[in-house]
Amino acid sequence: MGNVKEKRAFYEYVRYAYRLFLGLLFRRHVQKCGKMFRVCGKVHRSELKNTNLVIGDHVLLHAGVGFYLDAPGATVEIGDKTFINRRTEFMCKQHIRVGSHCAISWDVSIMDTDYHTIMDGRPNTKPVIIGDHVWIGCKATILKGVTIGDGAIIAAGSVVAHDVPPRSVVAGVPAKVVKTDVDWHL
């Protein structure tokens, strides 16, 4: 029985070392990175020059998170102690900022651009600002120009096209306020 426990402990150590290694590899592509940054699987980042990816302290990125900085000067900032789950994508041509202590579920899309042109030949781009202590449910989509207030909750599958007041719950397509004055804890 001791042999099985030793093997399990060894494999846990190897998994831990692998995660640290992935984090070190990913750090090469980050302009500023806080301490205790963890990567739990392969994370994607576009290789366009003159873009900025800034990650705070104690941030956890799960497998398949994608940072697509698709224009010179594009910046994505992730605040301290934020958790980003599997396959979440940040599509940025200007600026996306995520606050501290946020929980972002799997398959979330956050974009500051339409990626298509209308009339004048340039894509419509506006920054996305997500406040502190925001919880975004799985498969939610945050569109360009949105500001999400501190302590807000975005329900699973919601499409957020307008600003979200602090400490409120929004749900639906398009997302509408369904509850106010909420308080959530991890």
N, C-alpha and C. Protein backbone atom coordinates (compact mmCIF):
# COMPACT_ATOMS: atom_id res chain seq x y z
N MET A 1 0.82 -1.19 0.00
CA MET A 1 0.00 0.00 0.00
C MET A 1 0.87 1.26 0.00
N GLY A 2 1.97 1.22 0.73
CA GLY A 2 2.87 2.36 0.77
C GLY A 2 3.43 2.70 -0.60
N ASN A 3 3.63 1.69 -1.43
CA ASN A 3 4.14 1.89 -2.78
C ASN A 3 3.17 2.72 -3.63
N VAL A 4 1.87 2.46 -3.50
CA VAL A 4 0.86 3.21 -4.24
C VAL A 4 0.86 4.66 -3.79
N LYS A 5 0.95 4.88 -2.48
CA LYS A 5 0.99 6.24 -1.96
C LYS A 5 2.23 6.98 -2.44
N GLU A 6 3.35 6.31 -2.50
CA GLU A 6 4.58 6.93 -2.98
C GLU A 6 4.46 7.31 -4.46
N LYS A 7 3.88 6.42 -5.26
CA LYS A 7 3.67 6.71 -6.68
C LYS A 7 2.74 7.90 -6.86
N ARG A 8 1.64 7.91 -6.08
CA ARG A 8 0.69 9.01 -6.18
C ARG A 8 1.35 10.33 -5.80
N ALA A 9 2.14 10.32 -4.74
CA ALA A 9 2.85 11.53 -4.31
C ALA A 9 3.84 11.98 -5.39
N PHE A 10 4.52 11.02 -6.00
CA PHE A 10 5.47 11.36 -7.06
C PHE A 10 4.75 12.01 -8.24
N TYR A 11 3.61 11.43 -8.67
CA TYR A 11 2.87 11.98 -9.80
C TYR A 11 2.30 13.36 -9.47
N GLU A 12 1.86 13.57 -8.25
CA GLU A 12 1.40 14.89 -7.84
C GLU A 12 2.54 15.91 -7.91
N TYR A 13 3.73 15.50 -7.50
CA TYR A 13 4.89 16.38 -7.57
C TYR A 13 5.22 16.71 -9.03
N VAL A 14 5.15 15.71 -9.91
CA VAL A 14 5.43 15.92 -11.34
C VAL A 14 4.40 16.88 -11.93
N ARG A 15 3.12 16.70 -11.59
CA ARG A 15 2.08 17.62 -12.08
C ARG A 15 2.33 19.04 -11.60
N TYR A 16 2.71 19.20 -10.34
CA TYR A 16 3.01 20.51 -9.78
C TYR A 16 4.19 21.15 -10.52
N ALA A 17 5.25 20.37 -10.74
CA ALA A 17 6.43 20.88 -11.44
C ALA A 17 6.07 21.26 -12.88
N TYR A 18 5.22 20.47 -13.53
CA TYR A 18 4.79 20.77 -14.90
C TYR A 18 4.03 22.09 -14.96
N ARG A 19 3.13 22.31 -13.99
CA ARG A 19 2.39 23.57 -13.95
C ARG A 19 3.33 24.76 -13.76
N LEU A 20 4.31 24.60 -12.89
CA LEU A 20 5.29 25.67 -12.69
C LEU A 20 6.06 25.94 -13.98
N PHE A 21 6.43 24.88 -14.66
CA PHE A 21 7.14 25.02 -15.93
C PHE A 21 6.30 25.75 -16.96
N LEU A 22 5.01 25.39 -17.08
CA LEU A 22 4.12 26.07 -18.02
C LEU A 22 4.01 27.56 -17.67
N GLY A 23 3.92 27.84 -16.38
CA GLY A 23 3.86 29.23 -15.94
C GLY A 23 5.11 30.00 -16.33
N LEU A 24 6.28 29.37 -16.17
CA LEU A 24 7.53 30.02 -16.54
C LEU A 24 7.60 30.28 -18.05
N LEU A 25 7.15 29.31 -18.84
CA LEU A 25 7.13 29.50 -20.29
C LEU A 25 6.19 30.64 -20.69
N PHE A 26 5.02 30.67 -20.06
CA PHE A 26 4.04 31.69 -20.41
C PHE A 26 4.52 33.08 -19.98
N ARG A 27 5.24 33.18 -18.88
CA ARG A 27 5.75 34.46 -18.38
C ARG A 27 6.60 35.19 -19.42
N ARG A 28 7.25 34.45 -20.30
CA ARG A 28 8.07 35.09 -21.33
C ARG A 28 7.25 35.99 -22.23
N HIS A 29 5.94 35.73 -22.33
CA HIS A 29 5.06 36.48 -23.22
C HIS A 29 4.24 37.53 -22.48
N VAL A 30 4.54 37.74 -21.21
CA VAL A 30 3.78 38.68 -20.39
C VAL A 30 4.67 39.88 -20.07
N GLN A 31 4.16 41.09 -20.29
CA GLN A 31 4.96 42.28 -20.06
C GLN A 31 5.20 42.52 -18.57
N LYS A 32 4.20 42.27 -17.75
CA LYS A 32 4.33 42.45 -16.31
C LYS A 32 3.54 41.34 -15.65
N CYS A 33 4.15 40.65 -14.72
CA CYS A 33 3.51 39.50 -14.11
C CYS A 33 3.76 39.52 -12.60
N GLY A 34 2.71 39.33 -11.83
CA GLY A 34 2.83 39.32 -10.38
C GLY A 34 3.42 38.02 -9.86
N LYS A 35 3.56 37.95 -8.54
CA LYS A 35 4.11 36.74 -7.93
C LYS A 35 3.02 35.69 -7.77
N MET A 36 3.43 34.46 -7.62
CA MET A 36 2.55 33.31 -7.42
C MET A 36 1.52 33.16 -8.54
N PHE A 37 1.92 33.43 -9.75
CA PHE A 37 1.09 33.26 -10.93
C PHE A 37 1.09 31.79 -11.31
N ARG A 38 -0.09 31.18 -11.53
CA ARG A 38 -0.15 29.75 -11.85
C ARG A 38 -0.89 29.53 -13.16
N VAL A 39 -0.36 28.60 -13.93
CA VAL A 39 -0.99 28.18 -15.17
C VAL A 39 -1.26 26.69 -15.06
N CYS A 40 -2.50 26.28 -15.28
CA CYS A 40 -2.88 24.87 -15.15
C CYS A 40 -3.20 24.30 -16.52
N GLY A 41 -2.27 24.34 -17.42
CA GLY A 41 -2.47 23.82 -18.77
C GLY A 41 -1.98 24.84 -19.78
N LYS A 42 -2.11 24.51 -21.05
CA LYS A 42 -1.62 25.39 -22.11
C LYS A 42 -2.51 26.62 -22.25
N VAL A 43 -1.88 27.79 -22.25
CA VAL A 43 -2.57 29.06 -22.41
C VAL A 43 -2.06 29.69 -23.71
N HIS A 44 -2.97 30.26 -24.49
CA HIS A 44 -2.63 30.82 -25.79
C HIS A 44 -2.49 32.34 -25.70
N ARG A 45 -1.52 32.87 -26.43
CA ARG A 45 -1.36 34.32 -26.54
C ARG A 45 -0.91 34.62 -27.95
N SER A 46 -1.55 35.61 -28.57
CA SER A 46 -1.12 36.00 -29.91
C SER A 46 0.26 36.62 -29.84
N GLU A 47 0.99 36.55 -30.92
CA GLU A 47 2.39 36.99 -30.95
C GLU A 47 2.58 38.34 -31.62
N LEU A 48 1.55 39.14 -31.74
CA LEU A 48 1.67 40.45 -32.36
C LEU A 48 2.55 41.36 -31.51
N LYS A 49 3.46 42.09 -32.15
CA LYS A 49 4.38 42.97 -31.41
C LYS A 49 3.66 44.24 -30.95
N ASN A 50 4.26 44.89 -29.96
CA ASN A 50 3.76 46.14 -29.39
C ASN A 50 2.38 45.98 -28.74
N THR A 51 2.13 44.83 -28.12
CA THR A 51 0.92 44.60 -27.34
C THR A 51 1.33 44.33 -25.90
N ASN A 52 0.39 44.49 -24.98
CA ASN A 52 0.70 44.35 -23.56
C ASN A 52 -0.26 43.40 -22.88
N LEU A 53 0.31 42.44 -22.16
CA LEU A 53 -0.45 41.55 -21.30
C LEU A 53 0.10 41.73 -19.90
N VAL A 54 -0.73 42.22 -18.97
CA VAL A 54 -0.30 42.53 -17.61
C VAL A 54 -1.12 41.66 -16.67
N ILE A 55 -0.43 40.84 -15.88
CA ILE A 55 -1.10 39.90 -14.98
C ILE A 55 -0.67 40.18 -13.55
N GLY A 56 -1.64 40.30 -12.63
CA GLY A 56 -1.39 40.63 -11.23
C GLY A 56 -0.91 39.45 -10.41
N ASP A 57 -0.83 39.66 -9.10
CA ASP A 57 -0.38 38.63 -8.15
C ASP A 57 -1.45 37.57 -7.94
N HIS A 58 -1.01 36.34 -7.74
CA HIS A 58 -1.87 35.20 -7.37
C HIS A 58 -3.00 34.97 -8.37
N VAL A 59 -2.74 35.15 -9.64
CA VAL A 59 -3.72 34.89 -10.70
C VAL A 59 -3.61 33.42 -11.11
N LEU A 60 -4.75 32.78 -11.35
CA LEU A 60 -4.78 31.39 -11.78
C LEU A 60 -5.45 31.30 -13.14
N LEU A 61 -4.71 30.79 -14.14
CA LEU A 61 -5.22 30.58 -15.50
C LEU A 61 -5.33 29.09 -15.75
N HIS A 62 -6.50 28.63 -16.17
CA HIS A 62 -6.66 27.22 -16.49
C HIS A 62 -6.41 26.98 -17.97
N ALA A 63 -6.42 25.72 -18.36
CA ALA A 63 -6.07 25.29 -19.71
C ALA A 63 -6.99 25.93 -20.75
N GLY A 64 -6.40 26.35 -21.85
CA GLY A 64 -7.16 26.84 -22.98
C GLY A 64 -7.55 28.30 -22.91
N VAL A 65 -7.12 29.02 -21.88
CA VAL A 65 -7.39 30.45 -21.85
C VAL A 65 -6.64 31.10 -23.00
N GLY A 66 -7.29 32.01 -23.71
CA GLY A 66 -6.66 32.64 -24.86
C GLY A 66 -6.65 34.15 -24.75
N PHE A 67 -5.48 34.73 -25.01
CA PHE A 67 -5.33 36.18 -25.05
C PHE A 67 -4.98 36.55 -26.49
N TYR A 68 -5.92 37.16 -27.20
CA TYR A 68 -5.71 37.52 -28.59
C TYR A 68 -5.64 39.04 -28.69
N LEU A 69 -4.42 39.54 -28.67
CA LEU A 69 -4.17 40.98 -28.77
C LEU A 69 -3.90 41.27 -30.24
N ASP A 70 -4.90 41.79 -30.93
CA ASP A 70 -4.90 41.81 -32.38
C ASP A 70 -4.63 43.16 -33.02
N ALA A 71 -4.05 44.10 -32.28
CA ALA A 71 -3.68 45.39 -32.87
C ALA A 71 -2.52 45.97 -32.07
N PRO A 72 -1.65 46.72 -32.72
CA PRO A 72 -0.56 47.35 -31.97
C PRO A 72 -1.14 48.24 -30.86
N GLY A 73 -0.57 48.14 -29.67
CA GLY A 73 -1.03 48.91 -28.52
C GLY A 73 -2.14 48.25 -27.73
N ALA A 74 -2.66 47.12 -28.20
CA ALA A 74 -3.71 46.41 -27.46
C ALA A 74 -3.18 45.98 -26.09
N THR A 75 -4.02 46.15 -25.05
CA THR A 75 -3.60 45.84 -23.69
C THR A 75 -4.69 45.07 -22.97
N VAL A 76 -4.30 43.97 -22.35
CA VAL A 76 -5.18 43.22 -21.45
C VAL A 76 -4.53 43.24 -20.08
N GLU A 77 -5.30 43.67 -19.08
CA GLU A 77 -4.82 43.70 -17.69
C GLU A 77 -5.70 42.80 -16.84
N ILE A 78 -5.06 41.95 -16.03
CA ILE A 78 -5.77 41.06 -15.12
C ILE A 78 -5.34 41.42 -13.70
N GLY A 79 -6.30 41.72 -12.82
CA GLY A 79 -6.00 42.13 -11.46
C GLY A 79 -5.58 40.98 -10.56
N ASP A 80 -5.16 41.31 -9.34
CA ASP A 80 -4.69 40.35 -8.35
C ASP A 80 -5.79 39.36 -7.95
N LYS A 81 -5.36 38.14 -7.66
CA LYS A 81 -6.22 37.07 -7.12
C LYS A 81 -7.47 36.83 -7.98
N THR A 82 -7.30 36.88 -9.27
CA THR A 82 -8.39 36.59 -10.20
C THR A 82 -8.22 35.18 -10.74
N PHE A 83 -9.34 34.49 -10.89
CA PHE A 83 -9.39 33.11 -11.36
C PHE A 83 -10.06 33.09 -12.73
N ILE A 84 -9.37 32.53 -13.73
CA ILE A 84 -9.94 32.45 -15.08
C ILE A 84 -9.96 30.98 -15.49
N ASN A 85 -11.14 30.47 -15.75
CA ASN A 85 -11.31 29.04 -16.01
C ASN A 85 -11.11 28.70 -17.49
N ARG A 86 -11.27 27.45 -17.80
CA ARG A 86 -10.95 26.86 -19.10
C ARG A 86 -11.62 27.57 -20.29
N ARG A 87 -10.84 27.67 -21.35
CA ARG A 87 -11.31 28.12 -22.67
C ARG A 87 -11.91 29.53 -22.68
N THR A 88 -11.62 30.34 -21.71
CA THR A 88 -12.05 31.74 -21.75
C THR A 88 -11.17 32.48 -22.72
N GLU A 89 -11.75 33.39 -23.51
CA GLU A 89 -10.99 34.12 -24.53
C GLU A 89 -11.15 35.61 -24.36
N PHE A 90 -10.01 36.31 -24.47
CA PHE A 90 -9.97 37.77 -24.46
C PHE A 90 -9.58 38.20 -25.86
N MET A 91 -10.50 38.87 -26.59
CA MET A 91 -10.22 39.36 -27.93
C MET A 91 -10.10 40.88 -27.83
N CYS A 92 -8.88 41.38 -28.06
CA CYS A 92 -8.60 42.77 -27.75
C CYS A 92 -7.89 43.48 -28.90
N LYS A 93 -8.42 44.66 -29.25
CA LYS A 93 -7.74 45.54 -30.21
C LYS A 93 -7.38 46.87 -29.55
N GLN A 94 -7.92 47.13 -28.36
CA GLN A 94 -7.63 48.38 -27.67
C GLN A 94 -7.28 48.13 -26.21
N HIS A 95 -8.29 47.87 -25.35
CA HIS A 95 -8.02 47.70 -23.92
C HIS A 95 -9.12 46.90 -23.24
N ILE A 96 -8.71 45.89 -22.49
CA ILE A 96 -9.60 45.13 -21.62
C ILE A 96 -8.94 45.09 -20.25
N ARG A 97 -9.71 45.49 -19.22
CA ARG A 97 -9.19 45.44 -17.85
C ARG A 97 -10.14 44.64 -16.99
N VAL A 98 -9.58 43.64 -16.28
CA VAL A 98 -10.33 42.82 -15.33
C VAL A 98 -9.79 43.15 -13.95
N GLY A 99 -10.67 43.45 -13.01
CA GLY A 99 -10.26 43.85 -11.67
C GLY A 99 -9.71 42.70 -10.83
N SER A 100 -9.53 42.96 -9.55
CA SER A 100 -9.01 41.99 -8.60
C SER A 100 -10.14 41.14 -8.02
N HIS A 101 -9.78 39.95 -7.58
CA HIS A 101 -10.70 39.03 -6.89
C HIS A 101 -11.90 38.66 -7.76
N CYS A 102 -11.70 38.51 -9.06
CA CYS A 102 -12.78 38.13 -9.97
C CYS A 102 -12.77 36.62 -10.20
N ALA A 103 -13.94 36.08 -10.49
CA ALA A 103 -14.08 34.67 -10.84
C ALA A 103 -14.73 34.61 -12.22
N ILE A 104 -13.97 34.14 -13.20
CA ILE A 104 -14.47 34.04 -14.56
C ILE A 104 -14.56 32.56 -14.92
N SER A 105 -15.75 32.13 -15.23
CA SER A 105 -16.01 30.72 -15.49
C SER A 105 -15.50 30.28 -16.85
N TRP A 106 -15.82 29.05 -17.26
CA TRP A 106 -15.31 28.51 -18.52
C TRP A 106 -16.11 29.02 -19.72
N ASP A 107 -15.45 29.02 -20.87
CA ASP A 107 -16.04 29.38 -22.15
C ASP A 107 -16.60 30.80 -22.21
N VAL A 108 -16.02 31.72 -21.47
CA VAL A 108 -16.45 33.12 -21.49
C VAL A 108 -15.70 33.84 -22.61
N SER A 109 -16.39 34.75 -23.32
CA SER A 109 -15.76 35.58 -24.35
C SER A 109 -15.85 37.03 -23.91
N ILE A 110 -14.70 37.71 -23.92
CA ILE A 110 -14.64 39.13 -23.58
C ILE A 110 -13.97 39.82 -24.76
N MET A 111 -14.69 40.76 -25.40
CA MET A 111 -14.13 41.39 -26.59
C MET A 111 -14.39 42.89 -26.59
N ASP A 112 -13.39 43.64 -27.03
CA ASP A 112 -13.52 45.10 -27.10
C ASP A 112 -13.70 45.58 -28.54
N THR A 113 -14.01 44.69 -29.44
CA THR A 113 -14.16 45.04 -30.85
C THR A 113 -15.20 44.16 -31.52
N ASP A 114 -15.73 44.66 -32.65
CA ASP A 114 -16.66 43.85 -33.46
C ASP A 114 -15.91 42.98 -34.46
N TYR A 115 -14.65 43.33 -34.75
CA TYR A 115 -13.83 42.65 -35.75
C TYR A 115 -14.34 42.82 -37.18
N HIS A 116 -15.39 43.58 -37.38
CA HIS A 116 -15.83 43.83 -38.75
C HIS A 116 -15.99 45.33 -38.95
N THR A 117 -15.94 45.73 -40.19
CA THR A 117 -16.01 47.16 -40.51
C THR A 117 -17.39 47.53 -41.01
N ILE A 118 -17.77 48.75 -40.69
CA ILE A 118 -19.04 49.29 -41.19
C ILE A 118 -18.75 50.68 -41.75
N MET A 119 -19.02 50.90 -42.97
CA MET A 119 -18.90 52.16 -43.70
C MET A 119 -17.49 52.76 -43.75
N ASP A 120 -16.89 53.19 -42.65
CA ASP A 120 -15.63 53.93 -42.73
C ASP A 120 -14.40 53.04 -42.86
N GLY A 121 -14.55 51.74 -42.83
CA GLY A 121 -13.43 50.85 -43.07
C GLY A 121 -12.65 50.45 -41.82
N ARG A 122 -13.04 50.95 -40.65
CA ARG A 122 -12.36 50.57 -39.40
C ARG A 122 -13.33 49.81 -38.51
N PRO A 123 -12.84 48.79 -37.79
CA PRO A 123 -13.74 48.10 -36.86
C PRO A 123 -14.09 49.00 -35.68
N ASN A 124 -15.29 48.84 -35.18
CA ASN A 124 -15.76 49.61 -34.03
C ASN A 124 -15.14 49.00 -32.76
N THR A 125 -14.33 49.78 -32.05
CA THR A 125 -13.59 49.29 -30.89
C THR A 125 -13.80 50.22 -29.71
N LYS A 126 -14.16 49.65 -28.54
CA LYS A 126 -14.31 50.43 -27.30
C LYS A 126 -13.81 49.56 -26.15
N PRO A 127 -13.14 50.17 -25.15
CA PRO A 127 -12.57 49.39 -24.04
C PRO A 127 -13.64 48.69 -23.20
N VAL A 128 -13.24 47.59 -22.58
CA VAL A 128 -14.08 46.84 -21.64
C VAL A 128 -13.43 46.95 -20.27
N ILE A 129 -14.21 47.37 -19.28
CA ILE A 129 -13.71 47.50 -17.91
C ILE A 129 -14.57 46.62 -17.01
N ILE A 130 -13.93 45.68 -16.35
CA ILE A 130 -14.61 44.79 -15.40
C ILE A 130 -14.08 45.13 -14.02
N GLY A 131 -14.96 45.49 -13.10
CA GLY A 131 -14.58 45.93 -11.77
C GLY A 131 -14.02 44.81 -10.91
N ASP A 132 -13.80 45.13 -9.64
CA ASP A 132 -13.29 44.16 -8.67
C ASP A 132 -14.43 43.26 -8.18
N HIS A 133 -14.06 42.05 -7.81
CA HIS A 133 -14.98 41.08 -7.18
C HIS A 133 -16.20 40.82 -8.07
N VAL A 134 -15.96 40.59 -9.35
CA VAL A 134 -17.03 40.29 -10.31
C VAL A 134 -17.03 38.80 -10.62
N TRP A 135 -18.20 38.22 -10.70
CA TRP A 135 -18.35 36.79 -11.02
C TRP A 135 -19.05 36.71 -12.37
N ILE A 136 -18.39 36.05 -13.33
CA ILE A 136 -18.94 35.89 -14.67
C ILE A 136 -19.20 34.40 -14.90
N GLY A 137 -20.46 34.05 -15.15
CA GLY A 137 -20.86 32.65 -15.33
C GLY A 137 -20.44 32.09 -16.67
N CYS A 138 -20.51 30.77 -16.79
CA CYS A 138 -20.02 30.08 -17.97
C CYS A 138 -20.77 30.51 -19.23
N LYS A 139 -20.04 30.54 -20.32
CA LYS A 139 -20.53 30.85 -21.66
C LYS A 139 -21.16 32.24 -21.78
N ALA A 140 -20.79 33.15 -20.89
CA ALA A 140 -21.24 34.54 -21.01
C ALA A 140 -20.38 35.24 -22.05
N THR A 141 -20.93 36.27 -22.66
CA THR A 141 -20.21 37.08 -23.64
C THR A 141 -20.29 38.53 -23.20
N ILE A 142 -19.12 39.17 -23.09
CA ILE A 142 -19.04 40.58 -22.73
C ILE A 142 -18.61 41.33 -23.99
N LEU A 143 -19.44 42.26 -24.46
CA LEU A 143 -19.18 42.96 -25.71
C LEU A 143 -18.48 44.30 -25.48
N LYS A 144 -18.04 44.91 -26.55
CA LYS A 144 -17.25 46.14 -26.52
C LYS A 144 -17.97 47.27 -25.78
N GLY A 145 -17.16 48.12 -25.13
CA GLY A 145 -17.68 49.31 -24.49
C GLY A 145 -18.40 49.11 -23.18
N VAL A 146 -18.39 47.90 -22.65
CA VAL A 146 -19.13 47.59 -21.42
C VAL A 146 -18.26 47.86 -20.20
N THR A 147 -18.88 48.45 -19.17
CA THR A 147 -18.26 48.58 -17.86
C THR A 147 -19.11 47.79 -16.88
N ILE A 148 -18.48 46.87 -16.16
CA ILE A 148 -19.18 46.05 -15.17
C ILE A 148 -18.74 46.53 -13.80
N GLY A 149 -19.71 46.93 -12.97
CA GLY A 149 -19.42 47.48 -11.66
C GLY A 149 -18.91 46.46 -10.67
N ASP A 150 -18.27 46.93 -9.61
CA ASP A 150 -17.73 46.07 -8.56
C ASP A 150 -18.83 45.20 -7.95
N GLY A 151 -18.50 43.93 -7.69
CA GLY A 151 -19.40 43.01 -7.02
C GLY A 151 -20.55 42.49 -7.85
N ALA A 152 -20.57 42.75 -9.14
CA ALA A 152 -21.66 42.30 -10.00
C ALA A 152 -21.54 40.81 -10.32
N ILE A 153 -22.65 40.22 -10.71
CA ILE A 153 -22.70 38.82 -11.13
C ILE A 153 -23.33 38.77 -12.51
N ILE A 154 -22.66 38.09 -13.43
CA ILE A 154 -23.16 37.90 -14.80
C ILE A 154 -23.60 36.44 -14.89
N ALA A 155 -24.88 36.21 -15.14
CA ALA A 155 -25.41 34.85 -15.20
C ALA A 155 -24.86 34.08 -16.40
N ALA A 156 -24.85 32.77 -16.28
CA ALA A 156 -24.36 31.90 -17.35
C ALA A 156 -25.14 32.14 -18.63
N GLY A 157 -24.42 32.19 -19.74
CA GLY A 157 -25.04 32.34 -21.06
C GLY A 157 -25.51 33.74 -21.41
N SER A 158 -25.26 34.70 -20.56
CA SER A 158 -25.71 36.07 -20.82
C SER A 158 -24.85 36.74 -21.88
N VAL A 159 -25.47 37.67 -22.62
CA VAL A 159 -24.75 38.51 -23.56
C VAL A 159 -24.85 39.93 -23.04
N VAL A 160 -23.72 40.47 -22.56
CA VAL A 160 -23.71 41.78 -21.92
C VAL A 160 -23.31 42.82 -22.96
N ALA A 161 -24.27 43.68 -23.33
CA ALA A 161 -24.03 44.70 -24.34
C ALA A 161 -24.08 46.11 -23.75
N HIS A 162 -24.52 46.23 -22.49
CA HIS A 162 -24.63 47.52 -21.83
C HIS A 162 -23.99 47.46 -20.45
N ASP A 163 -23.69 48.62 -19.88
CA ASP A 163 -23.06 48.68 -18.56
C ASP A 163 -23.88 47.96 -17.50
N VAL A 164 -23.16 47.39 -16.52
CA VAL A 164 -23.79 46.66 -15.42
C VAL A 164 -23.52 47.42 -14.13
N PRO A 165 -24.58 47.77 -13.38
CA PRO A 165 -24.37 48.50 -12.13
C PRO A 165 -23.64 47.64 -11.09
N PRO A 166 -22.95 48.28 -10.15
CA PRO A 166 -22.29 47.52 -9.08
C PRO A 166 -23.29 46.71 -8.26
N ARG A 167 -22.83 45.56 -7.79
CA ARG A 167 -23.60 44.69 -6.90
C ARG A 167 -24.98 44.32 -7.44
N SER A 168 -25.03 44.01 -8.73
CA SER A 168 -26.29 43.58 -9.32
C SER A 168 -26.07 42.29 -10.09
N VAL A 169 -27.17 41.58 -10.34
CA VAL A 169 -27.14 40.36 -11.13
C VAL A 169 -27.80 40.66 -12.46
N VAL A 170 -27.11 40.30 -13.56
CA VAL A 170 -27.71 40.45 -14.88
C VAL A 170 -27.80 39.08 -15.53
N ALA A 171 -28.85 38.90 -16.35
CA ALA A 171 -29.06 37.63 -17.03
C ALA A 171 -29.80 37.87 -18.33
N GLY A 172 -29.62 36.95 -19.27
CA GLY A 172 -30.39 36.97 -20.50
C GLY A 172 -29.62 37.44 -21.72
N VAL A 173 -30.35 37.44 -22.85
CA VAL A 173 -29.79 37.88 -24.13
C VAL A 173 -30.77 38.89 -24.71
N PRO A 174 -30.46 40.16 -24.70
CA PRO A 174 -29.33 40.81 -24.04
C PRO A 174 -29.53 40.82 -22.53
N ALA A 175 -28.43 40.93 -21.79
CA ALA A 175 -28.49 40.86 -20.33
C ALA A 175 -29.23 42.06 -19.75
N LYS A 176 -30.11 41.76 -18.78
CA LYS A 176 -30.87 42.79 -18.07
C LYS A 176 -30.71 42.55 -16.57
N VAL A 177 -30.81 43.61 -15.79
CA VAL A 177 -30.69 43.50 -14.33
C VAL A 177 -31.89 42.72 -13.80
N VAL A 178 -31.61 41.64 -13.05
CA VAL A 178 -32.67 40.83 -12.46
C VAL A 178 -32.70 40.93 -10.93
N LYS A 179 -31.61 41.43 -10.35
CA LYS A 179 -31.53 41.58 -8.91
C LYS A 179 -30.50 42.65 -8.57
N THR A 180 -30.74 43.41 -7.53
CA THR A 180 -29.78 44.43 -7.11
C THR A 180 -29.38 44.21 -5.66
N ASP A 181 -28.34 44.91 -5.24
CA ASP A 181 -27.83 44.89 -3.87
C ASP A 181 -27.47 43.47 -3.43
N VAL A 182 -26.69 42.76 -4.26
CA VAL A 182 -26.27 41.40 -3.95
C VAL A 182 -24.84 41.41 -3.37
N ASP A 183 -24.53 40.34 -2.68
CA ASP A 183 -23.19 40.16 -2.10
C ASP A 183 -22.84 38.69 -2.27
N TRP A 184 -21.73 38.40 -2.89
CA TRP A 184 -21.34 37.00 -3.10
C TRP A 184 -19.94 36.75 -2.55
N HIS A 185 -19.68 35.48 -2.20
CA HIS A 185 -18.40 35.07 -1.63
C HIS A 185 -17.96 33.78 -2.31
N LEU A 186 -16.65 33.63 -2.43
CA LEU A 186 -16.09 32.38 -2.97
C LEU A 186 -16.09 31.31 -1.92
